[in-house]
Amino acid sequence: MAKAVEDHWQGPLEGLVVTRYGHAVACGRIEVVEAAHPVPDAAGRRAAADILARVGGLTADDLVLCLISGGGSALLALPADGLSLEDKQAVGRALLKSGADISEMNCVRKHLSAIKGGRLAAAAAPARVVTLAISDVPGDDPAVIASGPGVPDPTSFADARAILAKYGITPPTAVARHLEAASEESPKPGDPRLARAELRLIARPQDSLEAAAAKARELGVGPMILGDAIEGESREVARVMAAIAKQAARYGQPAKAPCVLLSGGETTVTVRGQGRGGRNAEFLLALAVALDGHDGIHAIACDTDGIDGSEDNAGATIGPDSLARAHAKGLDPKAYLADNDGYSLFESLGDLVMTGPTLTNVNDFRAILVLPSDR
């Protein structure tokens, strides 16, 4: 995004962006910093502090471009007063394992931050603030994308406390005190400091599904878009998707084979095992188990940024022979699923999808291909 701005910007330009390690693109006028994701680190904290300092003291003649995409919640990690980076790391790890959805996670993150939840835009006032956002969240809610540093925040400290209670998360003492005190609420809709803040959504998950549907039609395969905002436990979503795929194979509903069932969104994983996961690997392993070798059904599930969770793969693929090939290697797919270890199983089968950084992020992409069969 920063490189695109540089390539097309005609006037004076300076700034800083922070991205994940290994995802940087060289820029001439914009400084690029790499930091950790999904658990923040000191590099992200320093970058966020620098960004906040750069927008201080601006005037009504200045323009601030906020280039926002998925991952920003972890990368833009500036703890609120009285909190440490370690406090934020502890809460972040607990949320990642809890099964909380992205809206819930980012509500908590916003209320532990000095820059997210509209606070960056408030600090830049009276400058004009234009957020250019690539959505990676179900529903494309700008307040959830990267925890919305440039837009108003409708959530509250009370909401954040309720989310931690819902998932049985006991935060560090400093975090509990901060959330209870609720002394500096995030800027809300109508806040005069955000009067000159505006949003432009430039890419979204639905775009990827429509592009895939167009390609499927070109190849003579009927596309069926099931939704761009599907959430829920990965293995539960997989069971539902397996049932839909088998219905298509047997009855031609909701589409007749050959067809492809397309979906996006962000599933979650409640981590109970010790394996190497990623929500797309978990989804596919559960899908393979539910399909039980059904003839003619193949699937791919990937995170469009090229990173499935915290692993180095984008996702994986399955086919009718996936379970048989696993058993031939002495591997028990159900045991791997119980251990949240989809990555290791697909690595053993050679079925991981490795793209490297794609330099964009419109959330997860899933395609289930149903071919004609006798079963």
Protein backbone atom coordinates (compact mmCIF):
# COMPACT_ATOMS: atom_id res chain seq x y z
CA MET A 1 0.00 0.00 0.00
CA ALA A 2 2.80 2.42 0.89
CA LYS A 3 4.64 1.67 -2.37
CA ALA A 4 1.44 2.27 -4.36
CA VAL A 5 0.97 5.64 -2.67
CA GLU A 6 4.56 6.59 -3.39
CA ASP A 7 4.24 5.58 -7.03
CA HIS A 8 1.16 7.74 -7.57
CA TRP A 9 1.58 10.69 -5.18
CA GLN A 10 2.51 13.93 -6.92
CA GLY A 11 3.17 16.27 -3.98
CA PRO A 12 5.24 16.30 -0.77
CA LEU A 13 5.06 13.02 1.14
CA GLU A 14 6.58 11.54 4.27
CA GLY A 15 5.54 8.88 6.71
CA LEU A 16 6.01 5.52 8.34
CA VAL A 17 4.31 2.15 7.94
CA VAL A 18 4.71 -1.02 9.99
CA THR A 19 4.28 -4.50 8.55
CA ARG A 20 5.02 -8.08 9.48
CA TYR A 21 8.56 -9.45 9.44
CA GLY A 22 9.42 -10.53 5.90
CA HIS A 23 6.60 -8.52 4.31
CA ALA A 24 8.37 -5.20 3.69
CA VAL A 25 8.54 -3.52 0.28
CA ALA A 26 11.27 -0.95 -0.31
CA CYS A 27 10.00 2.64 -0.37
CA GLY A 28 11.84 5.88 -1.01
CA ARG A 29 9.96 8.52 1.00
CA ILE A 30 8.05 6.34 3.47
CA GLU A 31 9.93 4.56 6.24
CA VAL A 32 9.06 0.85 6.54
CA VAL A 33 9.36 -0.97 9.87
CA GLU A 34 8.87 -4.71 10.40
CA ALA A 35 7.37 -6.08 13.61
CA ALA A 36 5.78 -9.21 15.07
CA HIS A 37 2.33 -10.66 14.41
CA PRO A 38 0.01 -11.98 15.88
CA VAL A 39 1.65 -11.29 19.27
CA PRO A 40 3.15 -7.76 19.33
CA ASP A 41 6.79 -6.97 20.08
CA ALA A 42 8.99 -4.00 20.95
CA ALA A 43 9.53 -3.08 17.29
CA GLY A 44 5.78 -2.64 16.84
CA ARG A 45 5.57 -0.58 20.02
CA ARG A 46 8.36 1.75 18.86
CA ALA A 47 6.79 2.14 15.42
CA ALA A 48 3.38 2.95 16.90
CA ALA A 49 4.91 5.54 19.24
CA ASP A 50 6.74 7.10 16.29
CA ILE A 51 3.55 7.26 14.22
CA LEU A 52 1.64 8.89 17.07
CA ALA A 53 4.42 11.44 17.55
CA ARG A 54 4.44 12.29 13.83
CA VAL A 55 0.77 13.31 13.81
CA GLY A 56 1.10 15.59 16.83
CA GLY A 57 0.99 19.33 16.16
CA LEU A 58 -0.54 19.11 12.71
CA THR A 59 -2.74 21.85 11.28
CA ALA A 60 -5.95 21.97 9.28
CA ASP A 61 -3.80 22.24 6.13
CA ASP A 62 -2.21 18.83 6.67
CA LEU A 63 -3.45 15.50 5.26
CA VAL A 64 -2.86 12.19 7.02
CA LEU A 65 -3.28 8.99 5.02
CA CYS A 66 -3.90 5.94 7.20
CA LEU A 67 -3.08 2.82 5.16
CA ILE A 68 -4.92 0.11 7.07
CA SER A 69 -5.13 -3.63 6.50
CA GLY A 70 -5.45 -6.79 8.55
CA GLY A 71 -2.81 -7.44 11.16
CA GLY A 72 -2.60 -3.82 12.26
CA SER A 73 -4.00 -4.59 15.71
CA ALA A 74 -0.86 -6.53 16.63
CA LEU A 75 1.60 -4.46 14.58
CA LEU A 76 0.43 -1.09 15.94
CA ALA A 77 1.08 -1.98 19.57
CA LEU A 78 1.25 1.07 21.83
CA PRO A 79 0.06 0.27 25.36
CA ALA A 80 -2.17 2.76 27.15
CA ASP A 81 -0.68 4.66 30.08
CA GLY A 82 0.02 2.34 32.99
CA LEU A 83 0.26 -0.79 30.83
CA SER A 84 3.34 -2.61 29.56
CA LEU A 85 3.99 -4.43 26.31
CA GLU A 86 4.12 -7.63 28.37
CA ASP A 87 0.58 -6.93 29.62
CA LYS A 88 -0.67 -6.63 26.05
CA GLN A 89 1.22 -9.75 24.99
CA ALA A 90 -0.32 -11.81 27.79
CA VAL A 91 -3.86 -10.72 26.94
CA GLY A 92 -3.23 -11.20 23.22
CA ARG A 93 -2.02 -14.78 23.69
CA ALA A 94 -4.99 -15.64 25.87
CA LEU A 95 -7.46 -14.21 23.34
CA LEU A 96 -5.81 -16.08 20.45
CA LYS A 97 -6.32 -19.39 22.27
CA SER A 98 -9.79 -18.63 23.60
CA GLY A 99 -11.89 -18.91 20.45
CA ALA A 100 -12.89 -15.23 20.58
CA ASP A 101 -13.83 -13.79 17.20
CA ILE A 102 -11.94 -10.89 15.64
CA SER A 103 -14.50 -8.26 16.70
CA GLU A 104 -14.21 -9.38 20.31
CA MET A 105 -10.43 -9.52 20.22
CA ASN A 106 -10.15 -6.07 18.73
CA CYS A 107 -12.61 -4.56 21.21
CA VAL A 108 -10.26 -5.61 24.01
CA ARG A 109 -7.18 -4.48 22.09
CA LYS A 110 -8.67 -1.01 21.51
CA HIS A 111 -9.21 -0.49 25.22
CA LEU A 112 -5.62 -1.38 26.06
CA SER A 113 -4.18 0.94 23.41
CA ALA A 114 -3.00 4.54 23.16
CA ILE A 115 -3.41 4.63 19.36
CA LYS A 116 -6.20 2.28 18.22
CA GLY A 117 -9.96 2.80 18.39
CA GLY A 118 -9.90 6.23 16.76
CA ARG A 119 -7.13 7.58 18.96
CA LEU A 120 -4.73 8.12 16.05
CA ALA A 121 -7.27 10.29 14.23
CA ALA A 122 -8.01 12.22 17.42
CA ALA A 123 -4.30 12.89 17.93
CA ALA A 124 -4.00 14.17 14.34
CA ALA A 125 -6.83 16.74 14.68
CA PRO A 126 -7.41 19.28 13.21
CA ALA A 127 -5.70 17.68 10.20
CA ARG A 128 -7.79 15.86 7.60
CA VAL A 129 -7.46 12.09 8.13
CA VAL A 130 -8.28 9.72 5.27
CA THR A 131 -8.25 6.00 6.04
CA LEU A 132 -7.68 3.76 3.01
CA ALA A 133 -8.64 0.30 4.25
CA ILE A 134 -8.35 -3.23 2.94
CA SER A 135 -10.92 -5.25 4.85
CA ASP A 136 -10.00 -8.58 6.40
CA VAL A 137 -12.95 -8.77 8.80
CA PRO A 138 -16.44 -10.25 8.47
CA GLY A 139 -18.90 -7.49 7.61
CA ASP A 140 -16.12 -5.03 6.61
CA ASP A 141 -16.64 -2.99 9.79
CA PRO A 142 -14.00 -0.21 9.64
CA ALA A 143 -13.91 0.00 13.44
CA VAL A 144 -12.71 -3.62 13.52
CA ILE A 145 -10.15 -3.55 10.67
CA ALA A 146 -6.80 -3.26 12.49
CA SER A 147 -8.84 -2.01 15.48
CA GLY A 148 -9.77 1.18 13.61
CA PRO A 149 -7.07 3.73 14.57
CA GLY A 150 -8.53 6.30 12.17
CA VAL A 151 -12.27 5.86 12.75
CA PRO A 152 -14.69 6.22 15.71
CA ASP A 153 -15.06 3.30 18.11
CA PRO A 154 -18.59 2.28 19.18
CA THR A 155 -17.37 -0.21 21.83
CA SER A 156 -16.66 0.50 25.49
CA PHE A 157 -14.50 -0.51 28.42
CA ALA A 158 -17.52 -2.41 29.76
CA ASP A 159 -17.66 -4.40 26.52
CA ALA A 160 -13.97 -5.28 26.85
CA ARG A 161 -14.43 -6.46 30.45
CA ALA A 162 -17.42 -8.58 29.42
CA ILE A 163 -15.43 -10.28 26.65
CA LEU A 164 -12.63 -11.29 29.01
CA ALA A 165 -15.21 -12.62 31.46
CA LYS A 166 -17.02 -14.53 28.69
CA TYR A 167 -13.88 -16.50 27.85
CA GLY A 168 -12.70 -16.92 31.43
CA ILE A 169 -9.57 -14.83 30.86
CA THR A 170 -7.95 -13.41 33.99
CA PRO A 171 -5.82 -10.50 32.76
CA PRO A 172 -2.68 -9.13 34.43
CA THR A 173 -3.43 -6.93 37.43
CA ALA A 174 -2.54 -3.71 35.60
CA VAL A 175 -4.92 -4.60 32.77
CA ALA A 176 -7.76 -5.38 35.16
CA ARG A 177 -7.25 -2.03 36.92
CA HIS A 178 -7.10 -0.17 33.61
CA LEU A 179 -10.32 -1.72 32.28
CA GLU A 180 -12.14 -1.14 35.55
CA ALA A 181 -11.04 2.49 35.85
CA ALA A 182 -12.23 3.23 32.28
CA SER A 183 -10.69 6.66 32.66
CA GLU A 184 -10.13 7.54 28.99
CA GLU A 185 -12.78 6.10 26.68
CA SER A 186 -12.04 5.75 22.96
CA PRO A 187 -13.45 8.44 20.62
CA LYS A 188 -17.07 7.71 19.76
CA PRO A 189 -19.16 8.54 16.67
CA GLY A 190 -19.80 12.29 16.72
CA ASP A 191 -16.56 13.13 18.56
CA PRO A 192 -15.55 16.60 17.24
CA ARG A 193 -11.89 15.52 17.05
CA LEU A 194 -12.88 13.10 14.28
CA ALA A 195 -14.99 15.59 12.32
CA ARG A 196 -12.46 15.57 9.47
CA ALA A 197 -11.83 11.82 9.48
CA GLU A 198 -13.13 9.82 6.54
CA LEU A 199 -12.91 6.24 5.28
CA ARG A 200 -12.50 4.66 1.86
CA LEU A 201 -12.76 0.88 1.63
CA ILE A 202 -10.53 -0.14 -1.28
CA ALA A 203 -10.66 -3.95 -1.14
CA ARG A 204 -12.79 -6.53 0.68
CA PRO A 205 -13.25 -10.30 1.04
CA GLN A 206 -16.24 -10.31 -1.32
CA ASP A 207 -13.93 -9.14 -4.12
CA SER A 208 -11.85 -12.32 -3.88
CA LEU A 209 -14.96 -14.52 -3.98
CA GLU A 210 -16.36 -12.71 -7.02
CA ALA A 211 -13.00 -13.05 -8.81
CA ALA A 212 -12.95 -16.79 -8.05
CA ALA A 213 -16.54 -17.14 -9.24
CA ALA A 214 -15.66 -15.45 -12.54
CA LYS A 215 -12.70 -17.80 -13.02
CA ALA A 216 -14.87 -20.83 -12.23
CA ARG A 217 -17.45 -19.82 -14.85
CA GLU A 218 -14.64 -19.36 -17.35
CA LEU A 219 -13.56 -22.97 -16.66
CA GLY A 220 -17.08 -24.35 -16.98
CA VAL A 221 -17.63 -24.85 -13.24
CA GLY A 222 -20.74 -23.39 -11.59
CA PRO A 223 -19.85 -21.11 -8.65
CA MET A 224 -21.95 -20.79 -5.50
CA ILE A 225 -20.88 -18.03 -3.10
CA LEU A 226 -22.00 -19.08 0.38
CA GLY A 227 -20.94 -15.89 2.14
CA ASP A 228 -17.99 -13.56 2.76
CA ALA A 229 -18.45 -13.26 6.53
CA ILE A 230 -18.66 -16.84 7.81
CA GLU A 231 -17.50 -17.18 11.42
CA GLY A 232 -17.51 -19.88 14.08
CA GLU A 233 -15.26 -22.70 15.26
CA SER A 234 -13.23 -23.98 12.30
CA ARG A 235 -14.18 -27.60 12.84
CA GLU A 236 -17.88 -26.78 13.25
CA VAL A 237 -17.90 -24.68 10.06
CA ALA A 238 -16.15 -27.58 8.33
CA ARG A 239 -18.88 -30.02 9.31
CA VAL A 240 -21.54 -27.73 7.88
CA MET A 241 -19.54 -27.20 4.68
CA ALA A 242 -19.06 -30.96 4.30
CA ALA A 243 -22.81 -31.50 4.53
CA ILE A 244 -23.46 -28.85 1.87
CA ALA A 245 -20.82 -30.38 -0.43
CA LYS A 246 -22.33 -33.86 -0.05
CA GLN A 247 -25.79 -32.45 -0.75
CA ALA A 248 -24.47 -30.91 -3.95
CA ALA A 249 -22.82 -34.18 -4.95
CA ARG A 250 -25.91 -36.29 -4.25
CA TYR A 251 -28.85 -34.05 -5.13
CA GLY A 252 -27.40 -31.16 -7.13
CA GLN A 253 -28.36 -28.69 -4.40
CA PRO A 254 -27.60 -25.84 -3.89
CA ALA A 255 -25.63 -26.30 -7.12
CA LYS A 256 -25.18 -29.15 -9.56
CA ALA A 257 -21.73 -30.70 -10.11
CA PRO A 258 -19.36 -29.62 -11.40
CA CYS A 259 -19.61 -26.72 -8.98
CA VAL A 260 -17.43 -24.87 -6.52
CA LEU A 261 -18.65 -23.65 -3.12
CA LEU A 262 -16.89 -20.39 -2.25
CA SER A 263 -16.74 -18.71 1.13
CA GLY A 264 -14.77 -16.17 3.11
CA GLY A 265 -14.69 -14.80 6.62
CA GLU A 266 -12.68 -15.70 9.66
CA THR A 267 -13.22 -18.87 11.62
CA THR A 268 -11.74 -19.35 15.08
CA VAL A 269 -9.92 -22.14 16.89
CA THR A 270 -10.24 -22.84 20.58
CA VAL A 271 -6.78 -24.27 21.24
CA ARG A 272 -6.81 -27.33 23.48
CA GLY A 273 -3.94 -29.32 21.95
CA GLN A 274 -0.23 -28.75 21.52
CA GLY A 275 0.03 -28.98 17.73
CA ARG A 276 0.85 -26.55 14.96
CA GLY A 277 -2.41 -25.25 13.62
CA GLY A 278 -3.77 -22.28 11.79
CA ARG A 279 -7.51 -21.91 11.33
CA ASN A 280 -7.42 -22.95 7.66
CA ALA A 281 -5.45 -26.12 8.37
CA GLU A 282 -7.89 -26.89 11.18
CA PHE A 283 -10.86 -26.29 8.89
CA LEU A 284 -9.48 -28.54 6.15
CA LEU A 285 -8.55 -31.38 8.50
CA ALA A 286 -12.04 -31.30 10.02
CA LEU A 287 -13.53 -31.12 6.51
CA ALA A 288 -11.55 -34.16 5.39
CA VAL A 289 -12.67 -36.14 8.44
CA ALA A 290 -16.31 -35.16 7.85
CA LEU A 291 -16.17 -36.03 4.13
CA ASP A 292 -14.53 -39.39 4.94
CA GLY A 293 -13.02 -39.83 1.49
CA HIS A 294 -16.14 -38.82 -0.45
CA ASP A 295 -15.42 -39.24 -4.15
CA GLY A 296 -15.16 -36.14 -6.30
CA ILE A 297 -14.82 -33.52 -3.54
CA HIS A 298 -11.65 -31.43 -3.28
CA ALA A 299 -10.97 -28.28 -1.25
CA ILE A 300 -8.52 -25.50 -0.58
CA ALA A 301 -8.52 -23.04 2.33
CA CYS A 302 -5.95 -20.27 2.70
CA ASP A 303 -5.40 -16.95 4.39
CA THR A 304 -5.06 -14.42 1.59
CA ASP A 305 -2.02 -12.77 3.20
CA GLY A 306 -0.08 -16.02 2.73
CA ILE A 307 0.16 -16.79 6.46
CA ASP A 308 -2.24 -19.16 8.20
CA GLY A 309 -2.20 -17.93 11.78
CA SER A 310 1.42 -17.90 12.96
CA GLU A 311 2.77 -20.56 10.60
CA ASP A 312 4.66 -20.21 7.30
CA ASN A 313 1.94 -21.67 5.08
CA ALA A 314 -1.05 -19.92 3.53
CA GLY A 315 -3.22 -23.00 4.06
CA ALA A 316 -3.57 -26.47 2.53
CA THR A 317 -5.55 -28.65 0.14
CA ILE A 318 -7.51 -31.89 0.51
CA GLY A 319 -8.95 -34.46 -1.89
CA PRO A 320 -10.86 -37.72 -1.75
CA ASP A 321 -7.62 -39.62 -1.02
CA SER A 322 -6.34 -37.42 1.83
CA LEU A 323 -7.45 -39.70 4.67
CA ALA A 324 -6.26 -42.86 2.86
CA ARG A 325 -2.82 -41.33 2.25
CA ALA A 326 -2.61 -40.31 5.91
CA HIS A 327 -3.52 -43.81 7.10
CA ALA A 328 -0.98 -45.33 4.69
CA LYS A 329 1.68 -43.27 6.50
CA GLY A 330 0.46 -44.49 9.88
CA LEU A 331 -1.12 -41.13 10.72
CA ASP A 332 -4.45 -40.76 12.53
CA PRO A 333 -6.24 -37.63 11.20
CA LYS A 334 -8.70 -37.54 14.12
CA ALA A 335 -5.83 -37.57 16.62
CA TYR A 336 -4.14 -34.71 14.77
CA LEU A 337 -7.40 -32.77 14.82
CA ALA A 338 -7.80 -33.32 18.55
CA ASP A 339 -4.29 -31.92 19.04
CA ASN A 340 -4.98 -28.85 16.82
CA ASP A 341 -2.17 -30.11 14.58
CA GLY A 342 -3.45 -29.72 11.04
CA TYR A 343 -0.17 -28.18 9.89
CA SER A 344 1.87 -31.27 10.77
CA LEU A 345 -0.52 -33.68 9.06
CA PHE A 346 -0.64 -31.69 5.82
CA GLU A 347 3.12 -31.19 5.94
CA SER A 348 3.54 -34.98 6.09
CA LEU A 349 1.22 -35.38 3.11
CA GLY A 350 2.92 -32.63 1.10
CA ASP A 351 -0.39 -30.74 0.89
CA LEU A 352 0.52 -27.41 2.48
CA VAL A 353 0.05 -24.33 0.30
CA MET A 354 3.16 -22.15 0.54
CA THR A 355 2.81 -18.78 -1.21
CA GLY A 356 4.99 -16.53 0.89
CA PRO A 357 3.77 -12.98 1.61
CA THR A 358 1.07 -11.95 -0.87
CA LEU A 359 1.25 -8.30 0.28
CA THR A 360 -2.51 -8.00 0.68
CA ASN A 361 -5.10 -9.40 3.08
CA VAL A 362 -8.81 -9.89 2.41
CA ASN A 363 -9.23 -12.58 5.06
CA ASP A 364 -9.65 -16.31 4.50
CA PHE A 365 -10.57 -17.89 1.18
CA ARG A 366 -12.21 -21.32 0.94
CA ALA A 367 -13.20 -23.24 -2.19
CA ILE A 368 -14.81 -26.71 -2.21
CA LEU A 369 -14.86 -28.27 -5.67
CA VAL A 370 -17.59 -30.87 -6.27
CA LEU A 371 -17.09 -33.02 -9.37
CA PRO A 372 -19.55 -35.53 -10.81
CA SER A 373 -19.21 -38.99 -9.25
CA ASP A 374 -21.15 -42.22 -8.78
CA ARG A 375 -21.27 -41.91 -4.99
